[in-house]
Amino acid sequence: CRSIKIKSYLDNSINGEDLIYAFDMASGNLTLTRGSQPAQILNSGKVQVTGYFEINKTGLSPRVTILMRVKGREIKVSQRGEINLQTTISSHRY
């Protein structure tokens, strides 16, 4: 699998439309899709996004761990930043 999609079930939908966040590992793009509208790329061309995810199906509620690295693409080395992110989400609705 080369991408992950996360559908928001929180009360932050717009006009009753679903919000779907996605990360495509091949392109390195983070996207947001609102309802039937085309996906919008959330990351700037000035950053490189890489990462992967792990699926853990043990226990009562499956979990997905997302690991992501965001690096600046600035020409000057002194302006390049790097952030490593990790989060685990559950597919269980509370």
PDB file of N, CA and C in Angstrom:
ATOM      1  N   CYS A   1       0.849  -1.179   0.000  1.00  0.00           N
ATOM      2  CA  CYS A   1       0.000   0.000   0.000  1.00  0.00           C
ATOM      3  C   CYS A   1       0.890   1.236   0.000  1.00  0.00           C
ATOM      4  N   ARG A   2       0.612   2.169  -0.866  1.00  0.00           N
ATOM      5  CA  ARG A   2       1.469   3.341  -1.030  1.00  0.00           C
ATOM      6  C   ARG A   2       0.853   4.629  -0.507  1.00  0.00           C
ATOM      7  N   SER A   3      -0.313   4.551   0.130  1.00  0.00           N
ATOM      8  CA  SER A   3      -0.927   5.753   0.674  1.00  0.00           C
ATOM      9  C   SER A   3      -1.809   5.379   1.856  1.00  0.00           C
ATOM     10  N   ILE A   4      -2.119   6.392   2.657  1.00  0.00           N
ATOM     11  CA  ILE A   4      -3.029   6.198   3.781  1.00  0.00           C
ATOM     12  C   ILE A   4      -4.041   7.332   3.753  1.00  0.00           C
ATOM     13  N   LYS A   5      -5.310   6.998   4.019  1.00  0.00           N
ATOM     14  CA  LYS A   5      -6.382   7.990   4.074  1.00  0.00           C
ATOM     15  C   LYS A   5      -7.028   7.925   5.440  1.00  0.00           C
ATOM     16  N   ILE A   6      -7.302   9.099   6.001  1.00  0.00           N
ATOM     17  CA  ILE A   6      -7.929   9.192   7.315  1.00  0.00           C
ATOM     18  C   ILE A   6      -9.180  10.042   7.169  1.00  0.00           C
ATOM     19  N   LYS A   7     -10.328   9.449   7.468  1.00  0.00           N
ATOM     20  CA  LYS A   7     -11.596  10.172   7.394  1.00  0.00           C
ATOM     21  C   LYS A   7     -11.900  10.744   8.766  1.00  0.00           C
ATOM     22  N   SER A   8     -12.227  12.024   8.811  1.00  0.00           N
ATOM     23  CA  SER A   8     -12.519  12.698  10.066  1.00  0.00           C
ATOM     24  C   SER A   8     -13.976  12.467  10.456  1.00  0.00           C
ATOM     25  N   TYR A   9     -14.184  11.936  11.657  1.00  0.00           N
ATOM     26  CA  TYR A   9     -15.536  11.747  12.178  1.00  0.00           C
ATOM     27  C   TYR A   9     -15.871  12.788  13.237  1.00  0.00           C
ATOM     28  N   LEU A  10     -15.010  13.759  13.412  1.00  0.00           N
ATOM     29  CA  LEU A  10     -15.255  14.809  14.397  1.00  0.00           C
ATOM     30  C   LEU A  10     -16.270  15.796  13.854  1.00  0.00           C
ATOM     31  N   ASP A  11     -16.701  16.700  14.694  1.00  0.00           N
ATOM     32  CA  ASP A  11     -17.687  17.705  14.278  1.00  0.00           C
ATOM     33  C   ASP A  11     -17.049  18.863  13.518  1.00  0.00           C
ATOM     34  N   ASN A  12     -15.998  18.581  12.756  1.00  0.00           N
ATOM     35  CA  ASN A  12     -15.347  19.655  12.009  1.00  0.00           C
ATOM     36  C   ASN A  12     -15.609  19.540  10.516  1.00  0.00           C
ATOM     37  N   SER A  13     -16.630  18.764  10.134  1.00  0.00           N
ATOM     38  CA  SER A  13     -16.968  18.687   8.719  1.00  0.00           C
ATOM     39  C   SER A  13     -17.577  20.025   8.288  1.00  0.00           C
ATOM     40  N   ILE A  14     -17.456  20.308   7.031  1.00  0.00           N
ATOM     41  CA  ILE A  14     -17.928  21.579   6.492  1.00  0.00           C
ATOM     42  C   ILE A  14     -19.194  21.311   5.698  1.00  0.00           C
ATOM     43  N   ASN A  15     -20.295  21.952   6.072  1.00  0.00           N
ATOM     44  CA  ASN A  15     -21.582  21.779   5.400  1.00  0.00           C
ATOM     45  C   ASN A  15     -21.977  20.310   5.310  1.00  0.00           C
ATOM     46  N   GLY A  16     -21.630  19.525   6.313  1.00  0.00           N
ATOM     47  CA  GLY A  16     -21.984  18.111   6.315  1.00  0.00           C
ATOM     48  C   GLY A  16     -21.146  17.253   5.391  1.00  0.00           C
ATOM     49  N   GLU A  17     -20.124  17.828   4.758  1.00  0.00           N
ATOM     50  CA  GLU A  17     -19.269  17.067   3.844  1.00  0.00           C
ATOM     51  C   GLU A  17     -18.169  16.365   4.633  1.00  0.00           C
ATOM     52  N   ASP A  18     -17.804  15.178   4.197  1.00  0.00           N
ATOM     53  CA  ASP A  18     -16.707  14.458   4.829  1.00  0.00           C
ATOM     54  C   ASP A  18     -15.388  15.154   4.568  1.00  0.00           C
ATOM     55  N   LEU A  19     -14.496  15.093   5.546  1.00  0.00           N
ATOM     56  CA  LEU A  19     -13.132  15.576   5.389  1.00  0.00           C
ATOM     57  C   LEU A  19     -12.217  14.356   5.383  1.00  0.00           C
ATOM     58  N   ILE A  20     -11.430  14.197   4.323  1.00  0.00           N
ATOM     59  CA  ILE A  20     -10.524  13.062   4.221  1.00  0.00           C
ATOM     60  C   ILE A  20      -9.105  13.593   4.023  1.00  0.00           C
ATOM     61  N   TYR A  21      -8.230  13.248   4.970  1.00  0.00           N
ATOM     62  CA  TYR A  21      -6.823  13.606   4.899  1.00  0.00           C
ATOM     63  C   TYR A  21      -6.069  12.410   4.343  1.00  0.00           C
ATOM     64  N   ALA A  22      -5.106  12.643   3.457  1.00  0.00           N
ATOM     65  CA  ALA A  22      -4.368  11.536   2.859  1.00  0.00           C
ATOM     66  C   ALA A  22      -2.896  11.889   2.737  1.00  0.00           C
ATOM     67  N   PHE A  23      -2.053  10.846   2.805  1.00  0.00           N
ATOM     68  CA  PHE A  23      -0.621  10.985   2.548  1.00  0.00           C
ATOM     69  C   PHE A  23      -0.254   9.958   1.490  1.00  0.00           C
ATOM     70  N   ASP A  24       0.279  10.427   0.374  1.00  0.00           N
ATOM     71  CA  ASP A  24       0.697   9.563  -0.726  1.00  0.00           C
ATOM     72  C   ASP A  24       2.219   9.448  -0.662  1.00  0.00           C
ATOM     73  N   MET A  25       2.710   8.253  -0.353  1.00  0.00           N
ATOM     74  CA  MET A  25       4.150   8.066  -0.195  1.00  0.00           C
ATOM     75  C   MET A  25       4.908   8.236  -1.505  1.00  0.00           C
ATOM     76  N   ALA A  26       4.294   7.920  -2.636  1.00  0.00           N
ATOM     77  CA  ALA A  26       4.977   8.042  -3.921  1.00  0.00           C
ATOM     78  C   ALA A  26       5.258   9.502  -4.274  1.00  0.00           C
ATOM     79  N   SER A  27       4.264  10.375  -4.083  1.00  0.00           N
ATOM     80  CA  SER A  27       4.438  11.792  -4.435  1.00  0.00           C
ATOM     81  C   SER A  27       4.937  12.625  -3.268  1.00  0.00           C
ATOM     82  N   GLY A  28       4.750  12.122  -2.040  1.00  0.00           N
ATOM     83  CA  GLY A  28       5.128  12.889  -0.858  1.00  0.00           C
ATOM     84  C   GLY A  28       4.159  14.010  -0.541  1.00  0.00           C
ATOM     85  N   ASN A  29       2.935  13.918  -1.047  1.00  0.00           N
ATOM     86  CA  ASN A  29       1.959  14.979  -0.828  1.00  0.00           C
ATOM     87  C   ASN A  29       0.971  14.631   0.274  1.00  0.00           C
ATOM     88  N   LEU A  30       0.671  15.632   1.092  1.00  0.00           N
ATOM     89  CA  LEU A  30      -0.421  15.563   2.054  1.00  0.00           C
ATOM     90  C   LEU A  30      -1.595  16.272   1.400  1.00  0.00           C
ATOM     91  N   THR A  31      -2.774  15.645   1.419  1.00  0.00           N
ATOM     92  CA  THR A  31      -3.925  16.246   0.752  1.00  0.00           C
ATOM     93  C   THR A  31      -5.137  16.278   1.671  1.00  0.00           C
ATOM     94  N   LEU A  32      -6.067  17.156   1.350  1.00  0.00           N
ATOM     95  CA  LEU A  32      -7.348  17.261   2.031  1.00  0.00           C
ATOM     96  C   LEU A  32      -8.436  17.236   0.970  1.00  0.00           C
ATOM     97  N   THR A  33      -9.408  16.331   1.132  1.00  0.00           N
ATOM     98  CA  THR A  33     -10.553  16.261   0.231  1.00  0.00           C
ATOM     99  C   THR A  33     -11.796  16.606   1.035  1.00  0.00           C
ATOM    100  N   ARG A  34     -12.572  17.561   0.541  1.00  0.00           N
ATOM    101  CA  ARG A  34     -13.824  17.973   1.184  1.00  0.00           C
ATOM    102  C   ARG A  34     -14.985  17.525   0.309  1.00  0.00           C
ATOM    103  N   GLY A  35     -15.743  16.535   0.815  1.00  0.00           N
ATOM    104  CA  GLY A  35     -16.889  16.044   0.053  1.00  0.00           C
ATOM    105  C   GLY A  35     -16.479  15.552  -1.313  1.00  0.00           C
ATOM    106  N   SER A  36     -17.141  16.050  -2.356  1.00  0.00           N
ATOM    107  CA  SER A  36     -16.850  15.618  -3.719  1.00  0.00           C
ATOM    108  C   SER A  36     -15.875  16.548  -4.438  1.00  0.00           C
ATOM    109  N   GLN A  37     -15.316  17.533  -3.728  1.00  0.00           N
ATOM    110  CA  GLN A  37     -14.375  18.462  -4.343  1.00  0.00           C
ATOM    111  C   GLN A  37     -13.045  17.761  -4.623  1.00  0.00           C
ATOM    112  N   PRO A  38     -12.265  18.272  -5.578  1.00  0.00           N
ATOM    113  CA  PRO A  38     -10.941  17.690  -5.840  1.00  0.00           C
ATOM    114  C   PRO A  38     -10.032  17.858  -4.617  1.00  0.00           C
ATOM    115  N   ALA A  39      -9.095  16.947  -4.468  1.00  0.00           N
ATOM    116  CA  ALA A  39      -8.153  17.012  -3.348  1.00  0.00           C
ATOM    117  C   ALA A  39      -7.268  18.250  -3.460  1.00  0.00           C
ATOM    118  N   GLN A  40      -6.984  18.871  -2.306  1.00  0.00           N
ATOM    119  CA  GLN A  40      -6.082  20.028  -2.246  1.00  0.00           C
ATOM    120  C   GLN A  40      -4.777  19.574  -1.607  1.00  0.00           C
ATOM    121  N   ILE A  41      -3.652  19.932  -2.208  1.00  0.00           N
ATOM    122  CA  ILE A  41      -2.349  19.606  -1.634  1.00  0.00           C
ATOM    123  C   ILE A  41      -2.090  20.572  -0.487  1.00  0.00           C
ATOM    124  N   LEU A  42      -1.754  20.027   0.687  1.00  0.00           N
ATOM    125  CA  LEU A  42      -1.550  20.846   1.881  1.00  0.00           C
ATOM    126  C   LEU A  42      -0.097  21.282   2.075  1.00  0.00           C
ATOM    127  N   ASN A  43       0.846  20.495   1.587  1.00  0.00           N
ATOM    128  CA  ASN A  43       2.255  20.844   1.812  1.00  0.00           C
ATOM    129  C   ASN A  43       2.785  21.740   0.692  1.00  0.00           C
ATOM    130  N   SER A  44       3.729  22.564   1.067  1.00  0.00           N
ATOM    131  CA  SER A  44       4.369  23.481   0.145  1.00  0.00           C
ATOM    132  C   SER A  44       5.426  22.749  -0.677  1.00  0.00           C
ATOM    133  N   GLY A  45       5.746  23.270  -1.846  1.00  0.00           N
ATOM    134  CA  GLY A  45       6.832  22.731  -2.650  1.00  0.00           C
ATOM    135  C   GLY A  45       8.186  22.961  -2.007  1.00  0.00           C
ATOM    136  N   LYS A  46       8.213  23.784  -0.947  1.00  0.00           N
ATOM    137  CA  LYS A  46       9.469  24.081  -0.258  1.00  0.00           C
ATOM    138  C   LYS A  46       9.809  23.044   0.808  1.00  0.00           C
ATOM    139  N   VAL A  47       8.961  22.031   0.952  1.00  0.00           N
ATOM    140  CA  VAL A  47       9.238  20.976   1.919  1.00  0.00           C
ATOM    141  C   VAL A  47       9.165  19.615   1.245  1.00  0.00           C
ATOM    142  N   GLN A  48       9.940  18.689   1.772  1.00  0.00           N
ATOM    143  CA  GLN A  48       9.922  17.308   1.312  1.00  0.00           C
ATOM    144  C   GLN A  48       9.310  16.474   2.428  1.00  0.00           C
ATOM    145  N   VAL A  49       8.259  15.725   2.107  1.00  0.00           N
ATOM    146  CA  VAL A  49       7.585  14.895   3.099  1.00  0.00           C
ATOM    147  C   VAL A  49       7.830  13.428   2.747  1.00  0.00           C
ATOM    148  N   THR A  50       8.383  12.682   3.691  1.00  0.00           N
ATOM    149  CA  THR A  50       8.571  11.244   3.514  1.00  0.00           C
ATOM    150  C   THR A  50       7.997  10.547   4.734  1.00  0.00           C
ATOM    151  N   GLY A  51       7.716   9.281   4.605  1.00  0.00           N
ATOM    152  CA  GLY A  51       7.205   8.567   5.755  1.00  0.00           C
ATOM    153  C   GLY A  51       6.643   7.221   5.402  1.00  0.00           C
ATOM    154  N   TYR A  52       6.114   6.575   6.403  1.00  0.00           N
ATOM    155  CA  TYR A  52       5.469   5.286   6.226  1.00  0.00           C
ATOM    156  C   TYR A  52       4.514   5.065   7.379  1.00  0.00           C
ATOM    157  N   PHE A  53       3.772   3.971   7.331  1.00  0.00           N
ATOM    158  CA  PHE A  53       2.839   3.670   8.412  1.00  0.00           C
ATOM    159  C   PHE A  53       2.879   2.181   8.708  1.00  0.00           C
ATOM    160  N   GLU A  54       2.534   1.851   9.940  1.00  0.00           N
ATOM    161  CA  GLU A  54       2.494   0.465  10.394  1.00  0.00           C
ATOM    162  C   GLU A  54       1.091   0.174  10.915  1.00  0.00           C
ATOM    163  N   ILE A  55       0.562  -0.992  10.594  1.00  0.00           N
ATOM    164  CA  ILE A  55      -0.763  -1.397  11.053  1.00  0.00           C
ATOM    165  C   ILE A  55      -0.602  -2.478  12.104  1.00  0.00           C
ATOM    166  N   ASN A  56      -1.215  -2.280  13.276  1.00  0.00           N
ATOM    167  CA  ASN A  56      -1.171  -3.239  14.377  1.00  0.00           C
ATOM    168  C   ASN A  56      -2.597  -3.734  14.610  1.00  0.00           C
ATOM    169  N   LYS A  57      -2.843  -5.006  14.301  1.00  0.00           N
ATOM    170  CA  LYS A  57      -4.198  -5.554  14.415  1.00  0.00           C
ATOM    171  C   LYS A  57      -4.406  -6.341  15.702  1.00  0.00           C
ATOM    172  N   THR A  58      -3.507  -6.254  16.652  1.00  0.00           N
ATOM    173  CA  THR A  58      -3.678  -6.995  17.896  1.00  0.00           C
ATOM    174  C   THR A  58      -4.595  -6.237  18.845  1.00  0.00           C
ATOM    175  N   GLY A  59      -5.230  -6.943  19.749  1.00  0.00           N
ATOM    176  CA  GLY A  59      -6.109  -6.305  20.725  1.00  0.00           C
ATOM    177  C   GLY A  59      -7.498  -6.066  20.167  1.00  0.00           C
ATOM    178  N   LEU A  60      -8.295  -5.330  20.936  1.00  0.00           N
ATOM    179  CA  LEU A  60      -9.682  -5.081  20.568  1.00  0.00           C
ATOM    180  C   LEU A  60      -9.835  -4.065  19.446  1.00  0.00           C
ATOM    181  N   SER A  61      -8.933  -3.108  19.401  1.00  0.00           N
ATOM    182  CA  SER A  61      -9.070  -2.021  18.433  1.00  0.00           C
ATOM    183  C   SER A  61      -7.794  -1.893  17.601  1.00  0.00           C
ATOM    184  N   PRO A  62      -7.862  -2.130  16.289  1.00  0.00           N
ATOM    185  CA  PRO A  62      -6.669  -1.983  15.448  1.00  0.00           C
ATOM    186  C   PRO A  62      -6.117  -0.560  15.525  1.00  0.00           C
ATOM    187  N   ARG A  63      -4.808  -0.444  15.389  1.00  0.00           N
ATOM    188  CA  ARG A  63      -4.138   0.855  15.445  1.00  0.00           C
ATOM    189  C   ARG A  63      -3.237   1.037  14.228  1.00  0.00           C
ATOM    190  N   VAL A  64      -3.088   2.280  13.823  1.00  0.00           N
ATOM    191  CA  VAL A  64      -2.169   2.629  12.746  1.00  0.00           C
ATOM    192  C   VAL A  64      -1.185   3.649  13.307  1.00  0.00           C
ATOM    193  N   THR A  65       0.100   3.367  13.152  1.00  0.00           N
ATOM    194  CA  THR A  65       1.138   4.309  13.563  1.00  0.00           C
ATOM    195  C   THR A  65       1.693   4.971  12.307  1.00  0.00           C
ATOM    196  N   ILE A  66       1.677   6.291  12.299  1.00  0.00           N
ATOM    197  CA  ILE A  66       2.158   7.074  11.162  1.00  0.00           C
ATOM    198  C   ILE A  66       3.475   7.720  11.564  1.00  0.00           C
ATOM    199  N   LEU A  67       4.502   7.489  10.758  1.00  0.00           N
ATOM    200  CA  LEU A  67       5.810   8.101  10.972  1.00  0.00           C
ATOM    201  C   LEU A  67       6.101   8.978   9.762  1.00  0.00           C
ATOM    202  N   MET A  68       6.474  10.227  10.015  1.00  0.00           N
ATOM    203  CA  MET A  68       6.645  11.173   8.931  1.00  0.00           C
ATOM    204  C   MET A  68       7.848  12.074   9.202  1.00  0.00           C
ATOM    205  N   ARG A  69       8.573  12.396   8.149  1.00  0.00           N
ATOM    206  CA  ARG A  69       9.696  13.343   8.234  1.00  0.00           C
ATOM    207  C   ARG A  69       9.421  14.476   7.260  1.00  0.00           C
ATOM    208  N   VAL A  70       9.506  15.697   7.750  1.00  0.00           N
ATOM    209  CA  VAL A  70       9.302  16.891   6.934  1.00  0.00           C
ATOM    210  C   VAL A  70      10.607  17.668   6.937  1.00  0.00           C
ATOM    211  N   LYS A  71      11.181  17.871   5.732  1.00  0.00           N
ATOM    212  CA  LYS A  71      12.467  18.565   5.599  1.00  0.00           C
ATOM    213  C   LYS A  71      12.298  19.776   4.698  1.00  0.00           C
ATOM    214  N   GLY A  72      12.980  20.856   5.058  1.00  0.00           N
ATOM    215  CA  GLY A  72      12.978  22.049   4.217  1.00  0.00           C
ATOM    216  C   GLY A  72      13.846  21.836   2.992  1.00  0.00           C
ATOM    217  N   ARG A  73      13.450  22.455   1.883  1.00  0.00           N
ATOM    218  CA  ARG A  73      14.218  22.356   0.630  1.00  0.00           C
ATOM    219  C   ARG A  73      14.917  23.670   0.301  1.00  0.00           C
ATOM    220  N   GLU A  74      15.193  24.462   1.290  1.00  0.00           N
ATOM    221  CA  GLU A  74      15.849  25.748   1.056  1.00  0.00           C
ATOM    222  C   GLU A  74      17.267  25.529   0.531  1.00  0.00           C
ATOM    223  N   ILE A  75      17.751  26.480  -0.239  1.00  0.00           N
ATOM    224  CA  ILE A  75      19.093  26.374  -0.814  1.00  0.00           C
ATOM    225  C   ILE A  75      20.154  26.532   0.273  1.00  0.00           C
ATOM    226  N   LYS A  76      19.953  27.482   1.173  1.00  0.00           N
ATOM    227  CA  LYS A  76      20.926  27.707   2.240  1.00  0.00           C
ATOM    228  C   LYS A  76      20.780  26.631   3.311  1.00  0.00           C
ATOM    229  N   VAL A  77      21.885  26.008   3.658  1.00  0.00           N
ATOM    230  CA  VAL A  77      21.877  24.946   4.665  1.00  0.00           C
ATOM    231  C   VAL A  77      21.365  25.479   5.998  1.00  0.00           C
ATOM    232  N   SER A  78      21.700  26.721   6.332  1.00  0.00           N
ATOM    233  CA  SER A  78      21.284  27.294   7.615  1.00  0.00           C
ATOM    234  C   SER A  78      19.772  27.483   7.715  1.00  0.00           C
ATOM    235  N   GLN A  79      19.066  27.459   6.584  1.00  0.00           N
ATOM    236  CA  GLN A  79      17.617  27.654   6.589  1.00  0.00           C
ATOM    237  C   GLN A  79      16.838  26.351   6.460  1.00  0.00           C
ATOM    238  N   ARG A  80      17.560  25.240   6.347  1.00  0.00           N
ATOM    239  CA  ARG A  80      16.893  23.940   6.220  1.00  0.00           C
ATOM    240  C   ARG A  80      16.532  23.411   7.597  1.00  0.00           C
ATOM    241  N   GLY A  81      15.289  23.062   7.769  1.00  0.00           N
ATOM    242  CA  GLY A  81      14.831  22.473   9.016  1.00  0.00           C
ATOM    243  C   GLY A  81      14.354  21.052   8.774  1.00  0.00           C
ATOM    244  N   GLU A  82      14.242  20.312   9.855  1.00  0.00           N
ATOM    245  CA  GLU A  82      13.765  18.938   9.744  1.00  0.00           C
ATOM    246  C   GLU A  82      12.930  18.609  10.968  1.00  0.00           C
ATOM    247  N   ILE A  83      11.760  18.017  10.742  1.00  0.00           N
ATOM    248  CA  ILE A  83      10.876  17.629  11.835  1.00  0.00           C
ATOM    249  C   ILE A  83      10.513  16.160  11.640  1.00  0.00           C
ATOM    250  N   ASN A  84      10.630  15.382  12.708  1.00  0.00           N
ATOM    251  CA  ASN A  84      10.196  13.990  12.702  1.00  0.00           C
ATOM    252  C   ASN A  84       8.923  13.894  13.533  1.00  0.00           C
ATOM    253  N   LEU A  85       7.885  13.300  12.935  1.00  0.00           N
ATOM    254  CA  LEU A  85       6.593  13.183  13.609  1.00  0.00           C
ATOM    255  C   LEU A  85       6.199  11.713  13.724  1.00  0.00           C
ATOM    256  N   GLN A  86       5.543  11.375  14.828  1.00  0.00           N
ATOM    257  CA  GLN A  86       4.991  10.033  14.985  1.00  0.00           C
ATOM    258  C   GLN A  86       3.707  10.138  15.787  1.00  0.00           C
ATOM    259  N   THR A  87       2.673   9.460  15.315  1.00  0.00           N
ATOM    260  CA  THR A  87       1.416   9.413  16.050  1.00  0.00           C
ATOM    261  C   THR A  87       0.752   8.070  15.797  1.00  0.00           C
ATOM    262  N   THR A  88      -0.031   7.634  16.747  1.00  0.00           N
ATOM    263  CA  THR A  88      -0.783   6.394  16.612  1.00  0.00           C
ATOM    264  C   THR A  88      -2.260   6.703  16.753  1.00  0.00           C
ATOM    265  N   ILE A  89      -3.044   6.187  15.818  1.00  0.00           N
ATOM    266  CA  ILE A  89      -4.485   6.413  15.837  1.00  0.00           C
ATOM    267  C   ILE A  89      -5.207   5.070  15.874  1.00  0.00           C
ATOM    268  N   SER A  90      -6.404   5.095  16.394  1.00  0.00           N
ATOM    269  CA  SER A  90      -7.226   3.897  16.503  1.00  0.00           C
ATOM    270  C   SER A  90      -8.412   4.026  15.572  1.00  0.00           C
ATOM    271  N   SER A  91      -8.866   2.925  15.033  1.00  0.00           N
ATOM    272  CA  SER A  91     -10.014   2.954  14.138  1.00  0.00           C
ATOM    273  C   SER A  91     -11.332   2.871  14.918  1.00  0.00           C
ATOM    274  N   HIS A  92     -11.261   2.763  16.209  1.00  0.00           N
ATOM    275  CA  HIS A  92     -12.450   2.641  17.046  1.00  0.00           C
ATOM    276  C   HIS A  92     -13.122   4.000  17.223  1.00  0.00           C
ATOM    277  N   ARG A  93     -14.438   4.069  17.047  1.00  0.00           N
ATOM    278  CA  ARG A  93     -15.188   5.304  17.274  1.00  0.00           C
ATOM    279  C   ARG A  93     -15.640   5.344  18.714  1.00  0.00           C
ATOM    280  N   TYR A  94     -15.419   6.472  19.381  1.00  0.00           N
ATOM    281  CA  TYR A  94     -15.811   6.627  20.782  1.00  0.00           C
ATOM    282  C   TYR A  94     -17.105   7.390  20.871  1.00  0.00           C
TER     283      TYR A  94
END
